[in-house]
N, C-alpha and C. Protein backbone atom coordinates (compact mmCIF):
# COMPACT_ATOMS: atom_id res chain seq x y z
N UNK A 1 -36.32 32.54 -95.56
CA UNK A 1 -35.35 33.43 -94.93
C UNK A 1 -35.73 33.66 -93.48
N UNK A 2 -34.76 33.56 -92.58
CA UNK A 2 -35.04 33.70 -91.17
C UNK A 2 -35.17 35.18 -90.79
N UNK A 3 -36.11 35.44 -89.91
CA UNK A 3 -36.27 36.80 -89.43
C UNK A 3 -35.27 37.06 -88.31
N UNK A 4 -35.14 38.34 -87.93
CA UNK A 4 -34.23 38.68 -86.83
C UNK A 4 -34.65 37.97 -85.54
N UNK A 5 -35.97 37.89 -85.30
CA UNK A 5 -36.46 37.23 -84.10
C UNK A 5 -36.11 35.74 -84.11
N UNK A 6 -36.21 35.11 -85.29
CA UNK A 6 -35.86 33.69 -85.40
C UNK A 6 -34.38 33.47 -85.14
N UNK A 7 -33.56 34.41 -85.64
CA UNK A 7 -32.11 34.29 -85.44
C UNK A 7 -31.78 34.33 -83.95
N UNK A 8 -32.40 35.30 -83.26
CA UNK A 8 -32.15 35.41 -81.82
C UNK A 8 -32.63 34.16 -81.09
N UNK A 9 -33.78 33.64 -81.48
CA UNK A 9 -34.35 32.48 -80.80
C UNK A 9 -33.52 31.23 -81.00
N UNK A 10 -32.84 31.13 -82.13
CA UNK A 10 -32.10 29.90 -82.45
C UNK A 10 -30.59 30.02 -82.25
N UNK A 11 -30.12 31.24 -81.94
CA UNK A 11 -28.67 31.45 -81.81
C UNK A 11 -28.19 30.93 -80.45
N UNK A 12 -27.33 29.90 -80.49
CA UNK A 12 -26.82 29.30 -79.26
C UNK A 12 -26.01 30.31 -78.44
N UNK A 13 -25.21 31.12 -79.12
CA UNK A 13 -24.38 32.10 -78.42
C UNK A 13 -25.25 33.10 -77.66
N UNK A 14 -26.29 33.60 -78.33
CA UNK A 14 -27.18 34.57 -77.69
C UNK A 14 -27.89 33.95 -76.48
N UNK A 15 -28.34 32.71 -76.62
CA UNK A 15 -29.08 32.07 -75.54
C UNK A 15 -28.16 31.78 -74.35
N UNK A 16 -26.93 31.36 -74.63
CA UNK A 16 -25.98 31.09 -73.55
C UNK A 16 -25.64 32.38 -72.81
N UNK A 17 -25.41 33.46 -73.57
CA UNK A 17 -25.08 34.74 -72.94
C UNK A 17 -26.25 35.27 -72.11
N UNK A 18 -27.47 35.07 -72.60
CA UNK A 18 -28.65 35.51 -71.85
C UNK A 18 -28.76 34.74 -70.53
N UNK A 19 -28.53 33.42 -70.62
CA UNK A 19 -28.58 32.60 -69.41
C UNK A 19 -27.48 32.99 -68.44
N UNK A 20 -26.29 33.26 -68.98
CA UNK A 20 -25.16 33.64 -68.12
C UNK A 20 -25.45 34.94 -67.39
N UNK A 21 -26.07 35.90 -68.07
CA UNK A 21 -26.40 37.18 -67.43
C UNK A 21 -27.43 36.97 -66.31
N UNK A 22 -28.38 36.07 -66.56
CA UNK A 22 -29.39 35.79 -65.54
C UNK A 22 -28.76 35.15 -64.30
N UNK A 23 -27.84 34.21 -64.52
CA UNK A 23 -27.15 33.56 -63.40
C UNK A 23 -26.30 34.57 -62.65
N UNK A 24 -25.61 35.43 -63.40
CA UNK A 24 -24.76 36.45 -62.77
C UNK A 24 -25.60 37.39 -61.91
N UNK A 25 -26.75 37.81 -62.42
CA UNK A 25 -27.61 38.70 -61.63
C UNK A 25 -28.06 38.03 -60.34
N UNK A 26 -28.36 36.72 -60.42
CA UNK A 26 -28.79 35.99 -59.22
C UNK A 26 -27.66 35.92 -58.19
N UNK A 27 -26.43 35.67 -58.64
CA UNK A 27 -25.30 35.62 -57.73
C UNK A 27 -25.00 37.00 -57.16
N UNK A 28 -25.08 38.02 -58.01
CA UNK A 28 -24.84 39.39 -57.52
C UNK A 28 -25.80 39.74 -56.40
N UNK A 29 -27.05 39.35 -56.57
CA UNK A 29 -28.06 39.65 -55.56
C UNK A 29 -27.77 38.89 -54.27
N UNK A 30 -27.35 37.62 -54.40
CA UNK A 30 -27.05 36.81 -53.22
C UNK A 30 -25.81 37.32 -52.48
N UNK A 31 -24.85 37.90 -53.23
CA UNK A 31 -23.61 38.36 -52.63
C UNK A 31 -23.67 39.81 -52.16
N UNK A 32 -24.77 40.49 -52.46
CA UNK A 32 -24.88 41.90 -52.12
C UNK A 32 -24.62 42.19 -50.63
N UNK A 33 -25.11 41.34 -49.70
CA UNK A 33 -24.89 41.64 -48.27
C UNK A 33 -23.42 41.72 -47.86
N UNK A 34 -22.53 41.04 -48.58
CA UNK A 34 -21.11 41.08 -48.22
C UNK A 34 -20.31 41.99 -49.15
N UNK A 35 -21.00 42.75 -50.00
CA UNK A 35 -20.33 43.74 -50.83
C UNK A 35 -19.54 43.18 -51.99
N UNK A 36 -19.90 42.00 -52.47
CA UNK A 36 -19.20 41.37 -53.58
C UNK A 36 -20.11 41.22 -54.79
N UNK A 37 -19.47 41.13 -55.96
CA UNK A 37 -20.17 40.74 -57.18
C UNK A 37 -19.69 39.35 -57.57
N UNK A 38 -20.45 38.69 -58.42
CA UNK A 38 -20.11 37.32 -58.82
C UNK A 38 -18.73 37.27 -59.47
N UNK A 39 -18.40 38.26 -60.30
CA UNK A 39 -17.09 38.27 -60.96
C UNK A 39 -15.97 38.42 -59.94
N UNK A 40 -16.20 39.20 -58.90
CA UNK A 40 -15.18 39.39 -57.88
C UNK A 40 -15.00 38.14 -57.03
N UNK A 41 -16.09 37.44 -56.74
CA UNK A 41 -16.00 36.21 -55.97
C UNK A 41 -15.11 35.20 -56.67
N UNK A 42 -15.28 35.05 -57.98
CA UNK A 42 -14.47 34.09 -58.72
C UNK A 42 -12.99 34.47 -58.66
N UNK A 43 -12.70 35.76 -58.74
CA UNK A 43 -11.32 36.22 -58.65
C UNK A 43 -10.74 35.91 -57.28
N UNK A 44 -11.50 36.16 -56.23
CA UNK A 44 -11.02 35.91 -54.88
C UNK A 44 -10.72 34.44 -54.64
N UNK A 45 -11.58 33.57 -55.18
CA UNK A 45 -11.35 32.13 -55.02
C UNK A 45 -10.07 31.72 -55.75
N UNK A 46 -9.84 32.28 -56.93
CA UNK A 46 -8.61 31.97 -57.67
C UNK A 46 -7.38 32.46 -56.92
N UNK A 47 -7.47 33.63 -56.31
CA UNK A 47 -6.35 34.17 -55.54
C UNK A 47 -6.08 33.29 -54.32
N UNK A 48 -7.14 32.85 -53.66
CA UNK A 48 -6.98 32.01 -52.47
C UNK A 48 -6.26 30.70 -52.81
N UNK A 49 -6.45 30.22 -54.04
CA UNK A 49 -5.80 28.98 -54.46
C UNK A 49 -4.30 29.16 -54.63
N UNK A 50 -3.87 30.40 -54.97
CA UNK A 50 -2.44 30.66 -55.16
C UNK A 50 -2.23 32.16 -55.03
N UNK A 51 -1.86 32.61 -53.81
CA UNK A 51 -1.77 34.05 -53.59
C UNK A 51 -0.53 34.68 -54.21
N UNK A 52 0.33 33.87 -54.86
CA UNK A 52 1.50 34.43 -55.50
C UNK A 52 1.27 34.71 -56.98
N UNK A 53 0.04 34.52 -57.45
CA UNK A 53 -0.26 34.74 -58.85
C UNK A 53 0.01 36.18 -59.26
N UNK A 54 0.57 36.34 -60.46
CA UNK A 54 0.68 37.66 -61.04
C UNK A 54 -0.64 38.00 -61.73
N UNK A 55 -0.80 39.26 -62.11
CA UNK A 55 -2.01 39.66 -62.83
C UNK A 55 -2.14 38.85 -64.12
N UNK A 56 -1.02 38.68 -64.83
CA UNK A 56 -1.05 37.94 -66.10
C UNK A 56 -1.47 36.49 -65.88
N UNK A 57 -0.87 35.83 -64.87
CA UNK A 57 -1.19 34.43 -64.60
C UNK A 57 -2.64 34.29 -64.14
N UNK A 58 -3.08 35.24 -63.33
CA UNK A 58 -4.46 35.19 -62.84
C UNK A 58 -5.45 35.38 -63.99
N UNK A 59 -5.14 36.30 -64.89
CA UNK A 59 -6.01 36.53 -66.04
C UNK A 59 -6.12 35.28 -66.90
N UNK A 60 -4.99 34.60 -67.08
CA UNK A 60 -5.01 33.36 -67.87
C UNK A 60 -5.84 32.29 -67.18
N UNK A 61 -5.67 32.15 -65.86
CA UNK A 61 -6.43 31.16 -65.11
C UNK A 61 -7.92 31.44 -65.19
N UNK A 62 -8.30 32.72 -65.16
CA UNK A 62 -9.71 33.11 -65.18
C UNK A 62 -10.29 33.16 -66.58
N UNK A 63 -9.44 33.01 -67.60
CA UNK A 63 -9.93 33.09 -68.97
C UNK A 63 -10.33 34.51 -69.35
N UNK A 64 -9.65 35.50 -68.77
CA UNK A 64 -9.94 36.91 -69.04
C UNK A 64 -8.71 37.58 -69.66
N UNK A 65 -8.93 38.72 -70.30
CA UNK A 65 -7.79 39.52 -70.69
C UNK A 65 -7.43 40.42 -69.51
N UNK A 66 -6.20 40.95 -69.52
CA UNK A 66 -5.70 41.73 -68.39
C UNK A 66 -6.58 42.93 -68.07
N UNK A 67 -7.06 43.61 -69.10
CA UNK A 67 -7.84 44.83 -68.86
C UNK A 67 -9.16 44.51 -68.16
N UNK A 68 -9.81 43.40 -68.56
CA UNK A 68 -11.06 43.01 -67.90
C UNK A 68 -10.81 42.64 -66.45
N UNK A 69 -9.73 41.88 -66.21
CA UNK A 69 -9.40 41.48 -64.84
C UNK A 69 -9.08 42.70 -63.99
N UNK A 70 -8.34 43.65 -64.54
CA UNK A 70 -7.97 44.85 -63.79
C UNK A 70 -9.22 45.63 -63.39
N UNK A 71 -10.21 45.69 -64.27
CA UNK A 71 -11.45 46.39 -63.93
C UNK A 71 -12.16 45.70 -62.77
N UNK A 72 -12.07 44.36 -62.72
CA UNK A 72 -12.70 43.63 -61.63
C UNK A 72 -11.93 43.81 -60.32
N UNK A 73 -10.61 43.96 -60.41
CA UNK A 73 -9.79 44.09 -59.22
C UNK A 73 -9.84 45.49 -58.63
N UNK A 74 -9.98 46.50 -59.48
CA UNK A 74 -9.87 47.87 -59.00
C UNK A 74 -10.83 48.19 -57.85
N UNK A 75 -12.10 47.79 -57.94
CA UNK A 75 -12.98 48.09 -56.80
C UNK A 75 -12.55 47.39 -55.52
N UNK A 76 -11.88 46.23 -55.65
CA UNK A 76 -11.44 45.52 -54.46
C UNK A 76 -10.26 46.24 -53.82
N UNK A 77 -9.32 46.68 -54.67
CA UNK A 77 -8.12 47.31 -54.16
C UNK A 77 -8.42 48.64 -53.48
N UNK A 78 -9.45 49.33 -53.94
CA UNK A 78 -9.73 50.65 -53.40
C UNK A 78 -10.54 50.58 -52.12
N UNK A 79 -10.69 49.40 -51.52
CA UNK A 79 -11.34 49.33 -50.23
C UNK A 79 -10.50 50.03 -49.17
N UNK A 80 -9.23 50.33 -49.47
CA UNK A 80 -8.48 51.23 -48.62
C UNK A 80 -7.29 50.67 -47.88
N UNK A 81 -7.22 49.36 -47.64
CA UNK A 81 -6.17 48.83 -46.80
C UNK A 81 -5.16 47.96 -47.55
N UNK A 82 -5.56 47.44 -48.71
CA UNK A 82 -4.72 46.43 -49.36
C UNK A 82 -3.36 46.98 -49.78
N UNK A 83 -3.32 48.20 -50.33
CA UNK A 83 -2.04 48.72 -50.81
C UNK A 83 -1.09 48.98 -49.66
N UNK A 84 -1.62 49.39 -48.50
CA UNK A 84 -0.77 49.64 -47.34
C UNK A 84 -0.19 48.33 -46.82
N UNK A 85 -1.04 47.30 -46.68
CA UNK A 85 -0.55 46.01 -46.21
C UNK A 85 0.43 45.39 -47.19
N UNK A 86 0.14 45.53 -48.48
CA UNK A 86 1.02 44.95 -49.49
C UNK A 86 2.42 45.47 -49.39
N UNK A 87 2.56 46.76 -49.12
CA UNK A 87 3.89 47.36 -49.05
C UNK A 87 4.55 47.16 -47.69
N UNK A 88 3.81 47.35 -46.62
CA UNK A 88 4.39 47.29 -45.28
C UNK A 88 4.72 45.87 -44.85
N UNK A 89 3.81 44.94 -45.10
CA UNK A 89 3.99 43.57 -44.61
C UNK A 89 4.57 42.63 -45.65
N UNK A 90 4.79 43.12 -46.86
CA UNK A 90 5.38 42.28 -47.88
C UNK A 90 4.46 41.17 -48.36
N UNK A 91 3.16 41.41 -48.27
CA UNK A 91 2.18 40.42 -48.72
C UNK A 91 1.87 40.68 -50.19
N UNK A 92 1.67 39.64 -50.95
CA UNK A 92 1.30 39.79 -52.35
C UNK A 92 0.12 40.74 -52.48
N UNK A 93 0.22 41.67 -53.43
CA UNK A 93 -0.86 42.65 -53.61
C UNK A 93 -2.17 41.96 -53.93
N UNK A 94 -2.10 40.79 -54.56
CA UNK A 94 -3.33 40.07 -54.85
C UNK A 94 -3.89 39.43 -53.59
N UNK A 95 -3.00 38.90 -52.75
CA UNK A 95 -3.47 38.25 -51.53
C UNK A 95 -4.16 39.25 -50.62
N UNK A 96 -3.67 40.48 -50.59
CA UNK A 96 -4.27 41.46 -49.70
C UNK A 96 -5.68 41.83 -50.12
N UNK A 97 -6.03 41.57 -51.38
CA UNK A 97 -7.38 41.86 -51.83
C UNK A 97 -8.39 40.99 -51.08
N UNK A 98 -7.89 39.91 -50.48
CA UNK A 98 -8.79 39.05 -49.70
C UNK A 98 -9.37 39.80 -48.50
N UNK A 99 -8.80 40.96 -48.20
CA UNK A 99 -9.35 41.78 -47.12
C UNK A 99 -10.61 42.49 -47.56
N UNK A 100 -10.93 42.37 -48.85
CA UNK A 100 -12.14 43.02 -49.36
C UNK A 100 -13.35 42.66 -48.53
N UNK A 101 -14.16 43.64 -48.30
CA UNK A 101 -15.43 43.39 -47.65
C UNK A 101 -15.41 43.48 -46.14
N UNK A 102 -14.21 43.64 -45.53
CA UNK A 102 -14.17 43.73 -44.07
C UNK A 102 -15.13 44.79 -43.53
N UNK A 103 -15.18 45.97 -44.15
CA UNK A 103 -16.08 46.99 -43.61
C UNK A 103 -17.55 46.59 -43.64
N UNK A 104 -17.90 45.62 -44.49
CA UNK A 104 -19.31 45.23 -44.60
C UNK A 104 -19.64 44.01 -43.75
N UNK A 105 -18.63 43.39 -43.14
CA UNK A 105 -18.87 42.20 -42.34
C UNK A 105 -19.26 42.58 -40.92
N UNK A 106 -20.13 41.79 -40.36
CA UNK A 106 -20.68 42.11 -39.04
C UNK A 106 -19.57 42.22 -37.99
N UNK A 107 -19.58 43.32 -37.27
CA UNK A 107 -18.64 43.52 -36.18
C UNK A 107 -17.35 44.19 -36.57
N UNK A 108 -17.04 44.24 -37.87
CA UNK A 108 -15.77 44.80 -38.31
C UNK A 108 -15.88 46.30 -38.57
N UNK A 109 -14.84 47.01 -38.16
CA UNK A 109 -14.73 48.45 -38.41
C UNK A 109 -13.32 48.73 -38.91
N UNK A 110 -13.19 49.36 -40.08
CA UNK A 110 -11.89 49.61 -40.68
C UNK A 110 -11.60 51.10 -40.70
N UNK A 111 -10.34 51.45 -40.49
CA UNK A 111 -9.93 52.84 -40.35
C UNK A 111 -8.70 53.12 -41.20
N UNK A 112 -8.62 54.33 -41.71
CA UNK A 112 -7.46 54.76 -42.48
C UNK A 112 -7.04 56.15 -42.04
N UNK A 113 -5.74 56.40 -42.10
CA UNK A 113 -5.21 57.73 -41.79
C UNK A 113 -4.50 58.26 -43.03
N UNK A 114 -4.63 59.56 -43.26
CA UNK A 114 -4.05 60.18 -44.45
C UNK A 114 -3.11 61.31 -44.07
N UNK A 115 -2.09 61.49 -44.90
CA UNK A 115 -1.19 62.63 -44.79
C UNK A 115 -1.08 63.26 -46.17
N UNK A 116 -1.35 64.54 -46.25
CA UNK A 116 -1.27 65.21 -47.53
C UNK A 116 -2.21 64.63 -48.58
N UNK A 117 -3.34 64.11 -48.14
CA UNK A 117 -4.31 63.56 -49.07
C UNK A 117 -4.05 62.14 -49.49
N UNK A 118 -2.97 61.53 -48.99
CA UNK A 118 -2.65 60.14 -49.34
C UNK A 118 -2.90 59.23 -48.15
N UNK A 119 -3.56 58.09 -48.39
CA UNK A 119 -3.77 57.11 -47.33
C UNK A 119 -2.45 56.43 -47.00
N UNK A 120 -2.04 56.53 -45.74
CA UNK A 120 -0.71 56.05 -45.38
C UNK A 120 -0.71 55.05 -44.22
N UNK A 121 -1.82 54.93 -43.53
CA UNK A 121 -1.87 54.02 -42.38
C UNK A 121 -3.27 53.45 -42.24
N UNK A 122 -3.35 52.30 -41.60
CA UNK A 122 -4.66 51.67 -41.44
C UNK A 122 -4.69 50.85 -40.16
N UNK A 123 -5.89 50.49 -39.78
CA UNK A 123 -6.10 49.65 -38.62
C UNK A 123 -7.54 49.16 -38.65
N UNK A 124 -7.85 48.16 -37.87
CA UNK A 124 -9.20 47.62 -37.85
C UNK A 124 -9.61 47.27 -36.44
N UNK A 125 -10.90 47.07 -36.25
CA UNK A 125 -11.42 46.67 -34.95
C UNK A 125 -12.59 45.72 -35.17
N UNK A 126 -12.56 44.60 -34.45
CA UNK A 126 -13.65 43.63 -34.47
C UNK A 126 -14.34 43.66 -33.12
N UNK A 127 -15.63 43.96 -33.12
CA UNK A 127 -16.39 44.02 -31.88
C UNK A 127 -17.21 42.74 -31.74
N UNK A 128 -16.96 42.04 -30.64
CA UNK A 128 -17.67 40.81 -30.31
C UNK A 128 -18.33 41.00 -28.94
N UNK A 129 -19.59 41.33 -28.95
CA UNK A 129 -20.27 41.60 -27.70
C UNK A 129 -19.71 42.82 -27.01
N UNK A 130 -19.16 42.61 -25.82
CA UNK A 130 -18.59 43.70 -25.04
C UNK A 130 -17.07 43.80 -25.19
N UNK A 131 -16.51 43.04 -26.14
CA UNK A 131 -15.06 43.02 -26.33
C UNK A 131 -14.70 43.57 -27.71
N UNK A 132 -13.70 44.45 -27.75
CA UNK A 132 -13.20 44.99 -29.01
C UNK A 132 -11.78 44.48 -29.23
N UNK A 133 -11.54 43.89 -30.39
CA UNK A 133 -10.22 43.37 -30.75
C UNK A 133 -9.60 44.28 -31.80
N UNK A 134 -8.43 44.82 -31.49
CA UNK A 134 -7.75 45.72 -32.42
C UNK A 134 -6.69 44.95 -33.20
N UNK A 135 -6.52 45.30 -34.46
CA UNK A 135 -5.50 44.64 -35.26
C UNK A 135 -5.41 45.22 -36.65
N UNK A 136 -4.64 44.52 -37.52
CA UNK A 136 -4.45 44.90 -38.92
C UNK A 136 -3.86 46.29 -39.06
N UNK A 137 -2.93 46.64 -38.15
CA UNK A 137 -2.29 47.95 -38.24
C UNK A 137 -1.10 47.92 -39.18
N UNK A 138 -0.94 48.97 -39.94
CA UNK A 138 0.21 49.12 -40.82
C UNK A 138 0.36 50.59 -41.18
N UNK A 139 1.60 51.05 -41.30
CA UNK A 139 1.89 52.43 -41.69
C UNK A 139 3.00 52.41 -42.73
N UNK A 140 2.83 53.14 -43.80
CA UNK A 140 3.86 53.22 -44.82
C UNK A 140 5.13 53.83 -44.21
N UNK A 141 6.30 53.34 -44.62
CA UNK A 141 7.56 53.79 -43.99
C UNK A 141 7.72 55.30 -43.95
N UNK A 142 7.37 55.97 -45.04
CA UNK A 142 7.59 57.42 -45.09
C UNK A 142 6.64 58.20 -44.19
N UNK A 143 5.61 57.54 -43.67
CA UNK A 143 4.62 58.24 -42.85
C UNK A 143 4.77 57.92 -41.36
N UNK A 144 5.77 57.15 -41.01
CA UNK A 144 5.93 56.78 -39.61
C UNK A 144 6.42 57.97 -38.79
N UNK A 145 6.13 57.92 -37.48
CA UNK A 145 6.51 58.97 -36.53
C UNK A 145 5.77 60.28 -36.82
N UNK A 146 4.59 60.14 -37.40
CA UNK A 146 3.73 61.31 -37.61
C UNK A 146 2.42 61.20 -36.82
N UNK A 147 2.33 60.20 -35.94
CA UNK A 147 1.16 60.08 -35.09
C UNK A 147 -0.04 59.38 -35.71
N UNK A 148 0.18 58.73 -36.86
CA UNK A 148 -0.96 58.09 -37.54
C UNK A 148 -1.57 56.98 -36.70
N UNK A 149 -0.73 56.07 -36.19
CA UNK A 149 -1.28 54.96 -35.42
C UNK A 149 -1.84 55.42 -34.07
N UNK A 150 -1.26 56.47 -33.49
CA UNK A 150 -1.84 57.01 -32.26
C UNK A 150 -3.24 57.51 -32.51
N UNK A 151 -3.42 58.23 -33.63
CA UNK A 151 -4.75 58.74 -33.98
C UNK A 151 -5.72 57.60 -34.25
N UNK A 152 -5.25 56.55 -34.93
CA UNK A 152 -6.12 55.41 -35.22
C UNK A 152 -6.50 54.68 -33.94
N UNK A 153 -5.56 54.54 -33.03
CA UNK A 153 -5.85 53.89 -31.74
C UNK A 153 -6.89 54.69 -30.96
N UNK A 154 -6.68 56.00 -30.89
CA UNK A 154 -7.61 56.84 -30.14
C UNK A 154 -9.01 56.78 -30.73
N UNK A 155 -9.11 56.81 -32.05
CA UNK A 155 -10.42 56.76 -32.68
C UNK A 155 -11.12 55.43 -32.41
N UNK A 156 -10.36 54.34 -32.46
CA UNK A 156 -10.98 53.04 -32.20
C UNK A 156 -11.43 52.90 -30.76
N UNK A 157 -10.66 53.48 -29.83
CA UNK A 157 -11.07 53.44 -28.43
C UNK A 157 -12.37 54.23 -28.22
N UNK A 158 -12.48 55.37 -28.90
CA UNK A 158 -13.71 56.16 -28.81
C UNK A 158 -14.89 55.36 -29.34
N UNK A 159 -14.71 54.70 -30.49
CA UNK A 159 -15.80 53.94 -31.09
C UNK A 159 -16.14 52.70 -30.26
N UNK A 160 -15.11 52.09 -29.64
CA UNK A 160 -15.37 50.94 -28.78
C UNK A 160 -16.20 51.35 -27.57
N UNK A 161 -15.88 52.52 -27.03
CA UNK A 161 -16.64 53.03 -25.88
C UNK A 161 -18.09 53.31 -26.29
N UNK A 162 -18.26 53.91 -27.46
CA UNK A 162 -19.61 54.20 -27.94
C UNK A 162 -20.41 52.92 -28.18
N UNK A 163 -19.70 51.85 -28.57
CA UNK A 163 -20.37 50.57 -28.83
C UNK A 163 -20.67 49.80 -27.55
N UNK A 164 -20.26 50.34 -26.40
CA UNK A 164 -20.54 49.69 -25.13
C UNK A 164 -19.56 48.61 -24.73
N UNK A 165 -18.36 48.62 -25.32
CA UNK A 165 -17.36 47.60 -24.99
C UNK A 165 -16.76 47.84 -23.61
N UNK A 166 -16.58 46.76 -22.86
CA UNK A 166 -15.95 46.83 -21.55
C UNK A 166 -14.45 46.52 -21.62
N UNK A 167 -14.04 45.77 -22.65
CA UNK A 167 -12.65 45.34 -22.78
C UNK A 167 -12.17 45.62 -24.19
N UNK A 168 -10.94 46.14 -24.29
CA UNK A 168 -10.30 46.35 -25.59
C UNK A 168 -8.98 45.61 -25.59
N UNK A 169 -8.78 44.76 -26.60
CA UNK A 169 -7.59 43.91 -26.66
C UNK A 169 -6.79 44.23 -27.93
N UNK A 170 -5.48 44.36 -27.76
CA UNK A 170 -4.58 44.54 -28.90
C UNK A 170 -3.56 43.41 -28.86
N UNK A 171 -3.38 42.71 -29.97
CA UNK A 171 -2.44 41.59 -30.03
C UNK A 171 -1.22 41.97 -30.85
N UNK A 172 -0.07 41.42 -30.46
CA UNK A 172 1.18 41.63 -31.16
C UNK A 172 1.73 40.27 -31.54
N UNK A 173 2.05 40.10 -32.82
CA UNK A 173 2.57 38.82 -33.31
C UNK A 173 4.06 38.70 -33.00
N UNK A 174 4.48 37.52 -32.55
CA UNK A 174 5.90 37.30 -32.24
C UNK A 174 6.79 37.50 -33.46
N UNK A 175 6.27 37.14 -34.65
CA UNK A 175 7.08 37.27 -35.86
C UNK A 175 7.29 38.73 -36.25
N UNK A 176 6.36 39.59 -35.84
CA UNK A 176 6.47 41.03 -36.10
C UNK A 176 6.24 41.77 -34.79
N UNK A 177 7.22 41.72 -33.90
CA UNK A 177 7.02 42.33 -32.57
C UNK A 177 6.75 43.81 -32.67
N UNK A 178 6.05 44.33 -31.67
CA UNK A 178 5.71 45.74 -31.66
C UNK A 178 6.99 46.58 -31.54
N UNK A 179 7.02 47.68 -32.27
CA UNK A 179 8.14 48.60 -32.18
C UNK A 179 8.04 49.35 -30.85
N UNK A 180 9.16 49.93 -30.40
CA UNK A 180 9.10 50.73 -29.16
C UNK A 180 8.04 51.82 -29.24
N UNK A 181 7.87 52.44 -30.41
CA UNK A 181 6.84 53.48 -30.55
C UNK A 181 5.45 52.89 -30.35
N UNK A 182 5.22 51.70 -30.90
CA UNK A 182 3.91 51.06 -30.77
C UNK A 182 3.63 50.72 -29.32
N UNK A 183 4.65 50.22 -28.62
CA UNK A 183 4.48 49.88 -27.21
C UNK A 183 4.16 51.13 -26.41
N UNK A 184 4.88 52.22 -26.68
CA UNK A 184 4.61 53.48 -25.97
C UNK A 184 3.19 53.97 -26.24
N UNK A 185 2.75 53.84 -27.49
CA UNK A 185 1.38 54.26 -27.82
C UNK A 185 0.36 53.49 -26.99
N UNK A 186 0.55 52.17 -26.92
CA UNK A 186 -0.39 51.34 -26.17
C UNK A 186 -0.37 51.68 -24.69
N UNK A 187 0.82 51.81 -24.14
CA UNK A 187 0.93 52.11 -22.72
C UNK A 187 0.37 53.50 -22.40
N UNK A 188 0.63 54.46 -23.28
CA UNK A 188 0.13 55.82 -23.08
C UNK A 188 -1.39 55.85 -23.03
N UNK A 189 -2.02 54.95 -23.79
CA UNK A 189 -3.48 54.92 -23.84
C UNK A 189 -4.09 53.96 -22.82
N UNK A 190 -3.25 53.47 -21.90
CA UNK A 190 -3.76 52.68 -20.79
C UNK A 190 -3.72 51.17 -20.97
N UNK A 191 -3.11 50.67 -22.05
CA UNK A 191 -3.02 49.22 -22.25
C UNK A 191 -1.94 48.64 -21.35
N UNK A 192 -2.13 47.40 -20.94
CA UNK A 192 -1.11 46.69 -20.18
C UNK A 192 -1.03 45.26 -20.69
N UNK A 193 0.18 44.69 -20.63
CA UNK A 193 0.39 43.32 -21.10
C UNK A 193 -0.24 42.36 -20.10
N UNK A 194 -1.07 41.43 -20.62
CA UNK A 194 -1.74 40.49 -19.72
C UNK A 194 -1.36 39.04 -19.99
N UNK A 195 -0.87 38.72 -21.18
CA UNK A 195 -0.55 37.32 -21.47
C UNK A 195 0.33 37.24 -22.70
N UNK A 196 1.07 36.15 -22.78
CA UNK A 196 1.85 35.82 -23.97
C UNK A 196 1.42 34.45 -24.44
N UNK A 197 1.25 34.30 -25.73
CA UNK A 197 0.79 33.01 -26.27
C UNK A 197 1.77 32.50 -27.30
N UNK A 198 1.75 31.20 -27.52
CA UNK A 198 2.56 30.56 -28.55
C UNK A 198 1.66 30.17 -29.70
N UNK A 199 2.04 30.59 -30.90
CA UNK A 199 1.26 30.28 -32.09
C UNK A 199 2.02 29.29 -32.94
N UNK A 200 1.35 28.20 -33.32
CA UNK A 200 1.97 27.16 -34.13
C UNK A 200 1.59 27.36 -35.58
N UNK A 201 2.57 27.15 -36.47
CA UNK A 201 2.31 27.29 -37.90
C UNK A 201 2.92 26.11 -38.63
N UNK A 202 2.18 25.55 -39.58
CA UNK A 202 2.67 24.44 -40.38
C UNK A 202 3.54 24.99 -41.50
N UNK A 203 4.77 24.50 -41.68
CA UNK A 203 5.62 24.98 -42.77
C UNK A 203 4.96 24.78 -44.12
N UNK A 204 5.26 25.66 -45.05
CA UNK A 204 4.68 25.53 -46.38
C UNK A 204 5.23 24.28 -47.04
N UNK A 205 4.42 23.67 -47.87
CA UNK A 205 4.84 22.47 -48.58
C UNK A 205 4.49 21.17 -47.89
N UNK A 206 4.01 21.29 -46.63
CA UNK A 206 3.60 20.09 -45.90
C UNK A 206 2.10 19.92 -46.03
N UNK A 207 1.64 18.79 -46.53
CA UNK A 207 0.22 18.58 -46.76
C UNK A 207 -0.53 18.50 -45.45
């Protein structure tokens, strides 16, 4: 008759699970600097392959049940900006999770504005040497004209000054031109237009 210790030593399932946990711990440790876990990395790679995936389709692709996948996604979504971008810019809620980790990446600073305890606007700043690049702004429709983006701009300018930046740049995409309010905010804070650029994009479906 086999003892409990013999069963554990000879059980393929137990040995595979033990090895899997060891590999997962090693990946978790390697990914710690960017604020990811091994399970989250796999989800992000799957999303990058097809950002239109639904939760159900993604769970099937990952070999997970929906509840397990949702637990893995929740920490990513609560990084603060994905829900705002998903609604304002019409980006797949899963694709926006790719913004995960921005606050932990070198040079990146992420900001959120709240009204009544709800996060309603966001923006980011990338500092490269003496230059600060502003972007990733979005405000939920119901929170517009409440000064959220003005406050976010002012805070980023303060932080850029503290970081020793000599130049602050804000870019506006031709496909989503700045609203009159946004232009007034920039001009009020001392920004001036210095250049216009043409951005080329390959149509979807072309290899």
